[in-house]
């Protein structure tokens, strides 16, 4: 999708920067928001709009300082054949603090334009945030999902949006998987809504055995995907500030642990649930 169409089709976070994109005078960017809200697609659209060389890295694969000082620095300090070089660093909130600090120094001295994406802005160090123009992406709403859905599925727009938290990537996968079968999509939506709401409610109530069982039932081999799906639902709950702050700290530690620790899925869930439960009652009473 072209950048002009993206900005026109919805209240896009980059709308205020459209003239800068047109002029090729783009600041380094931090694109923040839940999965499936168009952050990576936007970065690709910018690269297409200014005909830039695009180098894409995923910080969830390599998150340490050596990766930044070698592979990223090498690209940032070289001049390519195009007028612009863009380094897209997906899931930059998964980088260690030392790696983020090294990245900040490279951004300040390199020749490339950096576009960072993050699910949680709080996991980006302030010094790095201050070097970038931050664009915040929201989940797609029901009307936007309705525009995306094929005609045979448009009547399920509200249910689809709620079940998948406006995550257009997951919605697209669900629609593609049912091959135009309305009843199969409706069943998938129902299963999704149940699986991804129950763990959040169990967490809210401190029902740790149910939370553990429900997290184990989620069909994904990605620890990060499991954490993100839980986080999307938890943010919709009416949780007190002390509880949410405590949960967010444990969740952030879990995101880092998902990259570092060679635990099985079951072992990781046991550790995560145990960490949450250790002071939950204390925070709940505050």
C-alpha atoms as a PDB file:
ATOM      1  CA  UNK A   1       0.000   0.000   0.000  1.00  0.00           C
ATOM      2  CA  UNK A   2       1.317   3.455  -0.905  1.00  0.00           C
ATOM      3  CA  UNK A   3       1.899   5.997   1.853  1.00  0.00           C
ATOM      4  CA  UNK A   4      -0.548   8.484   0.309  1.00  0.00           C
ATOM      5  CA  UNK A   5      -3.339   5.904   0.455  1.00  0.00           C
ATOM      6  CA  UNK A   6      -2.530   4.893   4.039  1.00  0.00           C
ATOM      7  CA  UNK A   7      -2.628   8.489   5.269  1.00  0.00           C
ATOM      8  CA  UNK A   8      -5.830   9.188   3.336  1.00  0.00           C
ATOM      9  CA  UNK A   9      -7.685   6.044   4.397  1.00  0.00           C
ATOM     10  CA  UNK A  10      -7.541   6.652   8.166  1.00  0.00           C
ATOM     11  CA  UNK A  11      -6.276   9.160  10.697  1.00  0.00           C
ATOM     12  CA  UNK A  12      -2.775   7.884  10.225  1.00  0.00           C
ATOM     13  CA  UNK A  13      -0.106   8.828  12.811  1.00  0.00           C
ATOM     14  CA  UNK A  14       2.166  10.039   9.995  1.00  0.00           C
ATOM     15  CA  UNK A  15      -0.385  12.454   8.533  1.00  0.00           C
ATOM     16  CA  UNK A  16       1.338  15.370  10.268  1.00  0.00           C
ATOM     17  CA  UNK A  17       4.635  14.383   8.630  1.00  0.00           C
ATOM     18  CA  UNK A  18       3.331  13.936   5.098  1.00  0.00           C
ATOM     19  CA  UNK A  19       4.980  17.143   3.844  1.00  0.00           C
ATOM     20  CA  UNK A  20       8.294  16.023   5.360  1.00  0.00           C
ATOM     21  CA  UNK A  21       7.975  12.687   3.555  1.00  0.00           C
ATOM     22  CA  UNK A  22       7.172  14.502   0.302  1.00  0.00           C
ATOM     23  CA  UNK A  23      10.303  16.633   0.741  1.00  0.00           C
ATOM     24  CA  UNK A  24      12.457  13.670   1.787  1.00  0.00           C
ATOM     25  CA  UNK A  25      13.224  15.483   5.050  1.00  0.00           C
ATOM     26  CA  UNK A  26      12.139  12.773   7.487  1.00  0.00           C
ATOM     27  CA  UNK A  27      13.282  12.563  11.113  1.00  0.00           C
ATOM     28  CA  UNK A  28      14.242   9.293  12.732  1.00  0.00           C
ATOM     29  CA  UNK A  29      10.983   7.629  13.739  1.00  0.00           C
ATOM     30  CA  UNK A  30       9.683   5.549  16.627  1.00  0.00           C
ATOM     31  CA  UNK A  31       6.443   3.806  15.649  1.00  0.00           C
ATOM     32  CA  UNK A  32       4.625   2.582  18.761  1.00  0.00           C
ATOM     33  CA  UNK A  33       1.532   0.428  19.048  1.00  0.00           C
ATOM     34  CA  UNK A  34       0.088  -3.075  19.388  1.00  0.00           C
ATOM     35  CA  UNK A  35       0.844  -5.758  16.791  1.00  0.00           C
ATOM     36  CA  UNK A  36      -1.083  -5.596  13.538  1.00  0.00           C
ATOM     37  CA  UNK A  37      -1.687  -1.834  13.512  1.00  0.00           C
ATOM     38  CA  UNK A  38       0.445  -0.993  10.460  1.00  0.00           C
ATOM     39  CA  UNK A  39       3.824   0.007  11.914  1.00  0.00           C
ATOM     40  CA  UNK A  40       5.998  -2.174   9.670  1.00  0.00           C
ATOM     41  CA  UNK A  41       3.756  -1.566   6.662  1.00  0.00           C
ATOM     42  CA  UNK A  42       4.169   2.177   7.206  1.00  0.00           C
ATOM     43  CA  UNK A  43       7.967   1.851   7.263  1.00  0.00           C
ATOM     44  CA  UNK A  44       7.911  -0.041   3.960  1.00  0.00           C
ATOM     45  CA  UNK A  45       5.590   2.599   2.478  1.00  0.00           C
ATOM     46  CA  UNK A  46       7.996   5.379   3.486  1.00  0.00           C
ATOM     47  CA  UNK A  47      10.906   3.530   1.874  1.00  0.00           C
ATOM     48  CA  UNK A  48       8.864   3.168  -1.321  1.00  0.00           C
ATOM     49  CA  UNK A  49       7.789   6.825  -1.273  1.00  0.00           C
ATOM     50  CA  UNK A  50      11.359   8.177  -1.120  1.00  0.00           C
ATOM     51  CA  UNK A  51      12.926   5.299  -3.112  1.00  0.00           C
ATOM     52  CA  UNK A  52      15.268   4.383  -0.275  1.00  0.00           C
ATOM     53  CA  UNK A  53      17.446   1.335   0.267  1.00  0.00           C
ATOM     54  CA  UNK A  54      15.670  -0.530   3.082  1.00  0.00           C
ATOM     55  CA  UNK A  55      17.585  -2.726   5.523  1.00  0.00           C
ATOM     56  CA  UNK A  56      15.295  -4.587   7.914  1.00  0.00           C
ATOM     57  CA  UNK A  57      16.286  -6.178  11.221  1.00  0.00           C
ATOM     58  CA  UNK A  58      14.188  -7.753  13.951  1.00  0.00           C
ATOM     59  CA  UNK A  59      15.378  -7.049  17.470  1.00  0.00           C
ATOM     60  CA  UNK A  60      13.510 -10.090  18.775  1.00  0.00           C
ATOM     61  CA  UNK A  61      16.035 -12.283  16.932  1.00  0.00           C
ATOM     62  CA  UNK A  62      19.212 -10.517  18.072  1.00  0.00           C
ATOM     63  CA  UNK A  63      18.846  -8.089  20.925  1.00  0.00           C
ATOM     64  CA  UNK A  64      22.337  -7.572  22.352  1.00  0.00           C
ATOM     65  CA  UNK A  65      24.902  -4.818  22.025  1.00  0.00           C
ATOM     66  CA  UNK A  66      27.172  -6.825  19.695  1.00  0.00           C
ATOM     67  CA  UNK A  67      24.402  -7.007  17.088  1.00  0.00           C
ATOM     68  CA  UNK A  68      24.027  -3.207  17.194  1.00  0.00           C
ATOM     69  CA  UNK A  69      27.769  -2.510  17.088  1.00  0.00           C
ATOM     70  CA  UNK A  70      28.403  -4.828  14.144  1.00  0.00           C
ATOM     71  CA  UNK A  71      25.529  -5.437  11.729  1.00  0.00           C
ATOM     72  CA  UNK A  72      23.497  -2.283  12.377  1.00  0.00           C
ATOM     73  CA  UNK A  73      26.505   0.046  12.627  1.00  0.00           C
ATOM     74  CA  UNK A  74      27.976  -1.325   9.400  1.00  0.00           C
ATOM     75  CA  UNK A  75      24.838  -0.431   7.441  1.00  0.00           C
ATOM     76  CA  UNK A  76      24.393   2.931   9.188  1.00  0.00           C
ATOM     77  CA  UNK A  77      27.912   4.172   8.415  1.00  0.00           C
ATOM     78  CA  UNK A  78      27.988   3.139   4.752  1.00  0.00           C
ATOM     79  CA  UNK A  79      26.591   5.177   1.895  1.00  0.00           C
ATOM     80  CA  UNK A  80      24.442   3.131  -0.483  1.00  0.00           C
ATOM     81  CA  UNK A  81      23.555   3.661  -4.131  1.00  0.00           C
ATOM     82  CA  UNK A  82      20.201   5.300  -3.349  1.00  0.00           C
ATOM     83  CA  UNK A  83      19.851   8.851  -2.007  1.00  0.00           C
ATOM     84  CA  UNK A  84      18.417   7.470   1.236  1.00  0.00           C
ATOM     85  CA  UNK A  85      19.176   4.449   3.397  1.00  0.00           C
ATOM     86  CA  UNK A  86      16.535   3.349   5.889  1.00  0.00           C
ATOM     87  CA  UNK A  87      17.256   0.958   8.738  1.00  0.00           C
ATOM     88  CA  UNK A  88      14.041  -0.603  10.006  1.00  0.00           C
ATOM     89  CA  UNK A  89      14.487  -2.130  13.445  1.00  0.00           C
ATOM     90  CA  UNK A  90      11.337  -4.051  14.358  1.00  0.00           C
ATOM     91  CA  UNK A  91      10.493  -4.716  18.019  1.00  0.00           C
ATOM     92  CA  UNK A  92      13.208  -2.354  19.258  1.00  0.00           C
ATOM     93  CA  UNK A  93      11.670  -2.554  22.739  1.00  0.00           C
ATOM     94  CA  UNK A  94      13.198  -6.048  22.918  1.00  0.00           C
ATOM     95  CA  UNK A  95      16.751  -4.650  22.854  1.00  0.00           C
ATOM     96  CA  UNK A  96      18.734  -4.525  26.080  1.00  0.00           C
ATOM     97  CA  UNK A  97      19.317  -1.099  27.604  1.00  0.00           C
ATOM     98  CA  UNK A  98      23.002  -1.283  26.673  1.00  0.00           C
ATOM     99  CA  UNK A  99      22.096  -2.099  23.080  1.00  0.00           C
ATOM    100  CA  UNK A 100      19.616   0.784  22.973  1.00  0.00           C
ATOM    101  CA  UNK A 101      22.245   3.193  24.264  1.00  0.00           C
ATOM    102  CA  UNK A 102      24.680   2.005  21.585  1.00  0.00           C
ATOM    103  CA  UNK A 103      21.937   2.420  18.991  1.00  0.00           C
ATOM    104  CA  UNK A 104      21.346   6.012  20.121  1.00  0.00           C
ATOM    105  CA  UNK A 105      25.012   6.863  19.487  1.00  0.00           C
ATOM    106  CA  UNK A 106      24.885   5.285  16.023  1.00  0.00           C
ATOM    107  CA  UNK A 107      21.737   7.232  15.151  1.00  0.00           C
ATOM    108  CA  UNK A 108      23.500  10.457  16.129  1.00  0.00           C
ATOM    109  CA  UNK A 109      26.565   9.798  13.955  1.00  0.00           C
ATOM    110  CA  UNK A 110      25.406   7.565  11.076  1.00  0.00           C
ATOM    111  CA  UNK A 111      24.115   8.464   7.621  1.00  0.00           C
ATOM    112  CA  UNK A 112      20.955   6.320   7.646  1.00  0.00           C
ATOM    113  CA  UNK A 113      17.380   7.166   8.555  1.00  0.00           C
ATOM    114  CA  UNK A 114      16.236   4.947  11.420  1.00  0.00           C
ATOM    115  CA  UNK A 115      12.673   3.691  11.830  1.00  0.00           C
ATOM    116  CA  UNK A 116      12.132   1.792  15.077  1.00  0.00           C
ATOM    117  CA  UNK A 117       8.956  -0.083  15.940  1.00  0.00           C
ATOM    118  CA  UNK A 118       7.875  -1.031  19.448  1.00  0.00           C
ATOM    119  CA  UNK A 119       4.864  -2.570  21.133  1.00  0.00           C
ATOM    120  CA  UNK A 120       5.550  -0.867  24.462  1.00  0.00           C
ATOM    121  CA  UNK A 121       7.087   2.614  24.504  1.00  0.00           C
ATOM    122  CA  UNK A 122       7.981   2.220  28.187  1.00  0.00           C
ATOM    123  CA  UNK A 123      10.665  -0.320  27.242  1.00  0.00           C
ATOM    124  CA  UNK A 124      12.524   2.232  25.097  1.00  0.00           C
ATOM    125  CA  UNK A 125      15.105   4.217  27.087  1.00  0.00           C
ATOM    126  CA  UNK A 126      14.381   7.991  27.326  1.00  0.00           C
ATOM    127  CA  UNK A 127      17.635   8.947  25.578  1.00  0.00           C
ATOM    128  CA  UNK A 128      16.657   6.909  22.518  1.00  0.00           C
ATOM    129  CA  UNK A 129      13.051   8.153  22.536  1.00  0.00           C
ATOM    130  CA  UNK A 130      14.302  11.731  22.561  1.00  0.00           C
ATOM    131  CA  UNK A 131      16.200  11.149  19.285  1.00  0.00           C
ATOM    132  CA  UNK A 132      13.071  10.064  17.411  1.00  0.00           C
ATOM    133  CA  UNK A 133       9.736  11.511  16.369  1.00  0.00           C
ATOM    134  CA  UNK A 134       7.183   9.224  18.045  1.00  0.00           C
ATOM    135  CA  UNK A 135       4.078   8.104  16.138  1.00  0.00           C
ATOM    136  CA  UNK A 136       1.483   6.163  18.135  1.00  0.00           C
ATOM    137  CA  UNK A 137      -0.624   3.581  16.343  1.00  0.00           C
ATOM    138  CA  UNK A 138      -3.984   2.420  17.630  1.00  0.00           C
ATOM    139  CA  UNK A 139      -5.805  -0.814  16.843  1.00  0.00           C
ATOM    140  CA  UNK A 140      -8.224  -0.666  13.919  1.00  0.00           C
ATOM    141  CA  UNK A 141     -11.812  -0.002  14.961  1.00  0.00           C
ATOM    142  CA  UNK A 142     -14.857  -1.963  13.821  1.00  0.00           C
ATOM    143  CA  UNK A 143     -15.693   0.358  10.917  1.00  0.00           C
ATOM    144  CA  UNK A 144     -12.143   0.142   9.580  1.00  0.00           C
ATOM    145  CA  UNK A 145     -12.203  -3.646   9.946  1.00  0.00           C
ATOM    146  CA  UNK A 146     -15.513  -3.702   8.056  1.00  0.00           C
ATOM    147  CA  UNK A 147     -13.872  -1.873   5.134  1.00  0.00           C
ATOM    148  CA  UNK A 148     -11.109  -4.478   5.057  1.00  0.00           C
ATOM    149  CA  UNK A 149     -13.340  -7.571   5.270  1.00  0.00           C
ATOM    150  CA  UNK A 150     -14.672  -9.245   2.109  1.00  0.00           C
ATOM    151  CA  UNK A 151     -18.385  -8.746   1.415  1.00  0.00           C
ATOM    152  CA  UNK A 152     -19.382 -12.164   2.769  1.00  0.00           C
ATOM    153  CA  UNK A 153     -17.810 -11.377   6.179  1.00  0.00           C
ATOM    154  CA  UNK A 154     -18.721  -7.701   6.681  1.00  0.00           C
ATOM    155  CA  UNK A 155     -21.641  -8.522   8.996  1.00  0.00           C
ATOM    156  CA  UNK A 156     -19.095  -9.961  11.452  1.00  0.00           C
ATOM    157  CA  UNK A 157     -17.001  -6.786  11.613  1.00  0.00           C
ATOM    158  CA  UNK A 158     -17.762  -5.908  15.239  1.00  0.00           C
ATOM    159  CA  UNK A 159     -17.222  -9.456  16.541  1.00  0.00           C
ATOM    160  CA  UNK A 160     -14.042  -9.819  14.491  1.00  0.00           C
ATOM    161  CA  UNK A 161     -12.636  -6.501  15.703  1.00  0.00           C
ATOM    162  CA  UNK A 162     -13.337  -7.329  19.355  1.00  0.00           C
ATOM    163  CA  UNK A 163     -11.969 -10.868  19.192  1.00  0.00           C
ATOM    164  CA  UNK A 164      -8.706  -9.865  17.522  1.00  0.00           C
ATOM    165  CA  UNK A 165      -8.286  -6.476  19.245  1.00  0.00           C
ATOM    166  CA  UNK A 166      -8.257  -4.640  15.921  1.00  0.00           C
ATOM    167  CA  UNK A 167      -5.097  -6.519  14.880  1.00  0.00           C
ATOM    168  CA  UNK A 168      -5.423  -6.462  11.098  1.00  0.00           C
ATOM    169  CA  UNK A 169      -2.639  -8.994  10.607  1.00  0.00           C
ATOM    170  CA  UNK A 170      -4.382 -11.658  12.697  1.00  0.00           C
ATOM    171  CA  UNK A 171      -7.752 -10.795  11.174  1.00  0.00           C
ATOM    172  CA  UNK A 172      -6.305 -11.290   7.698  1.00  0.00           C
ATOM    173  CA  UNK A 173      -4.889 -14.682   8.686  1.00  0.00           C
ATOM    174  CA  UNK A 174      -8.240 -15.763  10.138  1.00  0.00           C
ATOM    175  CA  UNK A 175     -10.175 -14.718   7.035  1.00  0.00           C
ATOM    176  CA  UNK A 176      -7.706 -16.403   4.691  1.00  0.00           C
ATOM    177  CA  UNK A 177      -7.782 -19.633   6.702  1.00  0.00           C
ATOM    178  CA  UNK A 178     -11.530 -20.297   6.275  1.00  0.00           C
ATOM    179  CA  UNK A 179     -11.658 -20.036   2.463  1.00  0.00           C
ATOM    180  CA  UNK A 180     -14.825 -17.951   2.337  1.00  0.00           C
ATOM    181  CA  UNK A 181     -16.813 -20.083   4.799  1.00  0.00           C
ATOM    182  CA  UNK A 182     -18.965 -17.763   6.931  1.00  0.00           C
ATOM    183  CA  UNK A 183     -19.733 -20.350   9.642  1.00  0.00           C
ATOM    184  CA  UNK A 184     -16.055 -21.315   9.989  1.00  0.00           C
ATOM    185  CA  UNK A 185     -15.062 -17.670  10.444  1.00  0.00           C
ATOM    186  CA  UNK A 186     -17.797 -17.197  13.041  1.00  0.00           C
ATOM    187  CA  UNK A 187     -16.540 -20.256  14.937  1.00  0.00           C
ATOM    188  CA  UNK A 188     -12.938 -19.009  14.762  1.00  0.00           C
ATOM    189  CA  UNK A 189     -13.994 -15.626  16.120  1.00  0.00           C
ATOM    190  CA  UNK A 190     -15.814 -17.273  19.029  1.00  0.00           C
ATOM    191  CA  UNK A 191     -12.826 -19.444  19.894  1.00  0.00           C
ATOM    192  CA  UNK A 192     -10.452 -16.490  19.687  1.00  0.00           C
ATOM    193  CA  UNK A 193     -12.594 -14.302  21.925  1.00  0.00           C
ATOM    194  CA  UNK A 194     -12.798 -17.024  24.588  1.00  0.00           C
ATOM    195  CA  UNK A 195      -9.141 -18.008  24.552  1.00  0.00           C
ATOM    196  CA  UNK A 196      -7.793 -14.486  24.729  1.00  0.00           C
ATOM    197  CA  UNK A 197     -10.193 -12.983  27.271  1.00  0.00           C
ATOM    198  CA  UNK A 198     -10.212 -15.687  29.952  1.00  0.00           C
ATOM    199  CA  UNK A 199      -6.485 -15.397  30.882  1.00  0.00           C
ATOM    200  CA  UNK A 200      -6.810 -11.650  31.476  1.00  0.00           C
ATOM    201  CA  UNK A 201      -9.836 -12.121  33.721  1.00  0.00           C
ATOM    202  CA  UNK A 202      -8.074 -14.891  35.643  1.00  0.00           C
ATOM    203  CA  UNK A 203      -5.087 -12.597  36.158  1.00  0.00           C
ATOM    204  CA  UNK A 204      -7.344  -9.797  37.401  1.00  0.00           C
ATOM    205  CA  UNK A 205      -8.909 -12.130  39.936  1.00  0.00           C
ATOM    206  CA  UNK A 206      -5.621 -13.688  41.033  1.00  0.00           C
ATOM    207  CA  UNK A 207      -6.738 -17.158  39.887  1.00  0.00           C
ATOM    208  CA  UNK A 208      -3.214 -18.366  39.115  1.00  0.00           C
ATOM    209  CA  UNK A 209      -3.997 -22.000  38.359  1.00  0.00           C
ATOM    210  CA  UNK A 210      -6.629 -20.947  35.812  1.00  0.00           C
ATOM    211  CA  UNK A 211      -4.244 -18.395  34.324  1.00  0.00           C
ATOM    212  CA  UNK A 212      -1.527 -21.026  33.951  1.00  0.00           C
ATOM    213  CA  UNK A 213      -3.931 -23.504  32.351  1.00  0.00           C
ATOM    214  CA  UNK A 214      -5.360 -20.927  29.955  1.00  0.00           C
ATOM    215  CA  UNK A 215      -1.940 -19.661  28.853  1.00  0.00           C
ATOM    216  CA  UNK A 216      -0.879 -23.240  28.165  1.00  0.00           C
ATOM    217  CA  UNK A 217      -3.986 -23.701  25.997  1.00  0.00           C
ATOM    218  CA  UNK A 218      -3.025 -20.854  23.646  1.00  0.00           C
ATOM    219  CA  UNK A 219      -1.774 -22.425  20.426  1.00  0.00           C
ATOM    220  CA  UNK A 220       1.466 -20.582  19.757  1.00  0.00           C
ATOM    221  CA  UNK A 221       5.121 -21.527  19.982  1.00  0.00           C
ATOM    222  CA  UNK A 222       6.135 -17.874  20.361  1.00  0.00           C
ATOM    223  CA  UNK A 223       6.529 -16.669  23.936  1.00  0.00           C
ATOM    224  CA  UNK A 224       6.389 -13.071  22.710  1.00  0.00           C
ATOM    225  CA  UNK A 225       3.107 -13.656  20.853  1.00  0.00           C
ATOM    226  CA  UNK A 226       1.631 -15.198  24.001  1.00  0.00           C
ATOM    227  CA  UNK A 227       2.665 -12.186  26.094  1.00  0.00           C
ATOM    228  CA  UNK A 228       1.406  -9.670  23.550  1.00  0.00           C
ATOM    229  CA  UNK A 229      -1.989 -11.328  23.241  1.00  0.00           C
ATOM    230  CA  UNK A 230      -2.424 -11.356  27.014  1.00  0.00           C
ATOM    231  CA  UNK A 231      -1.261  -7.734  27.236  1.00  0.00           C
ATOM    232  CA  UNK A 232      -3.796  -6.581  24.635  1.00  0.00           C
ATOM    233  CA  UNK A 233      -6.641  -7.928  26.799  1.00  0.00           C
ATOM    234  CA  UNK A 234      -5.240  -6.791  30.145  1.00  0.00           C
ATOM    235  CA  UNK A 235      -5.100  -3.185  28.939  1.00  0.00           C
ATOM    236  CA  UNK A 236      -8.865  -3.288  28.424  1.00  0.00           C
ATOM    237  CA  UNK A 237      -9.512  -4.177  32.070  1.00  0.00           C
ATOM    238  CA  UNK A 238     -10.312  -1.699  34.825  1.00  0.00           C
ATOM    239  CA  UNK A 239      -7.144  -2.402  36.792  1.00  0.00           C
ATOM    240  CA  UNK A 240      -5.965  -0.082  39.564  1.00  0.00           C
ATOM    241  CA  UNK A 241      -2.761   1.904  38.821  1.00  0.00           C
ATOM    242  CA  UNK A 242      -0.609   0.048  41.410  1.00  0.00           C
ATOM    243  CA  UNK A 243      -1.754  -3.335  40.043  1.00  0.00           C
ATOM    244  CA  UNK A 244      -1.210  -2.319  36.431  1.00  0.00           C
ATOM    245  CA  UNK A 245       2.226  -0.867  37.228  1.00  0.00           C
ATOM    246  CA  UNK A 246       3.219  -4.107  38.957  1.00  0.00           C
ATOM    247  CA  UNK A 247       1.827  -6.235  36.129  1.00  0.00           C
ATOM    248  CA  UNK A 248       3.592  -4.076  33.500  1.00  0.00           C
ATOM    249  CA  UNK A 249       6.933  -4.446  35.260  1.00  0.00           C
ATOM    250  CA  UNK A 250       6.621  -8.245  35.384  1.00  0.00           C
ATOM    251  CA  UNK A 251       5.367  -8.288  31.781  1.00  0.00           C
ATOM    252  CA  UNK A 252       8.378  -6.215  30.653  1.00  0.00           C
ATOM    253  CA  UNK A 253      10.758  -8.594  32.443  1.00  0.00           C
ATOM    254  CA  UNK A 254       8.995 -11.497  30.720  1.00  0.00           C
ATOM    255  CA  UNK A 255       9.455  -9.916  27.281  1.00  0.00           C
ATOM    256  CA  UNK A 256      13.200  -9.709  27.913  1.00  0.00           C
ATOM    257  CA  UNK A 257      13.274 -13.234  29.362  1.00  0.00           C
ATOM    258  CA  UNK A 258      11.474 -14.576  26.287  1.00  0.00           C
ATOM    259  CA  UNK A 259      14.525 -13.627  24.227  1.00  0.00           C
ATOM    260  CA  UNK A 260      17.207 -14.675  26.711  1.00  0.00           C
ATOM    261  CA  UNK A 261      16.153 -17.816  28.522  1.00  0.00           C
ATOM    262  CA  UNK A 262      16.154 -21.251  26.874  1.00  0.00           C
ATOM    263  CA  UNK A 263      13.017 -22.320  28.764  1.00  0.00           C
ATOM    264  CA  UNK A 264      10.298 -24.530  27.369  1.00  0.00           C
ATOM    265  CA  UNK A 265       6.898 -22.898  26.834  1.00  0.00           C
ATOM    266  CA  UNK A 266       5.579 -24.605  29.974  1.00  0.00           C
ATOM    267  CA  UNK A 267       8.594 -23.606  32.051  1.00  0.00           C
ATOM    268  CA  UNK A 268       8.329 -20.024  30.861  1.00  0.00           C
ATOM    269  CA  UNK A 269       4.620 -19.847  31.758  1.00  0.00           C
ATOM    270  CA  UNK A 270       5.320 -21.319  35.203  1.00  0.00           C
ATOM    271  CA  UNK A 271       7.952 -18.641  35.833  1.00  0.00           C
ATOM    272  CA  UNK A 272       5.726 -15.821  34.515  1.00  0.00           C
ATOM    273  CA  UNK A 273       2.678 -16.829  36.572  1.00  0.00           C
ATOM    274  CA  UNK A 274       4.829 -17.355  39.660  1.00  0.00           C
ATOM    275  CA  UNK A 275       6.365 -13.892  39.279  1.00  0.00           C
ATOM    276  CA  UNK A 276       2.938 -12.277  38.953  1.00  0.00           C
ATOM    277  CA  UNK A 277       1.506 -14.067  41.964  1.00  0.00           C
ATOM    278  CA  UNK A 278       4.354 -13.256  44.355  1.00  0.00           C
ATOM    279  CA  UNK A 279       3.098  -9.758  45.346  1.00  0.00           C
ATOM    280  CA  UNK A 280      -0.316  -9.606  43.665  1.00  0.00           C
ATOM    281  CA  UNK A 281      -2.399  -9.519  46.849  1.00  0.00           C
ATOM    282  CA  UNK A 282      -0.240  -6.734  48.282  1.00  0.00           C
ATOM    283  CA  UNK A 283      -0.674  -4.577  45.168  1.00  0.00           C
ATOM    284  CA  UNK A 284      -4.390  -5.337  45.028  1.00  0.00           C
ATOM    285  CA  UNK A 285      -4.910  -3.889  48.497  1.00  0.00           C
ATOM    286  CA  UNK A 286      -3.061  -0.638  47.733  1.00  0.00           C
END
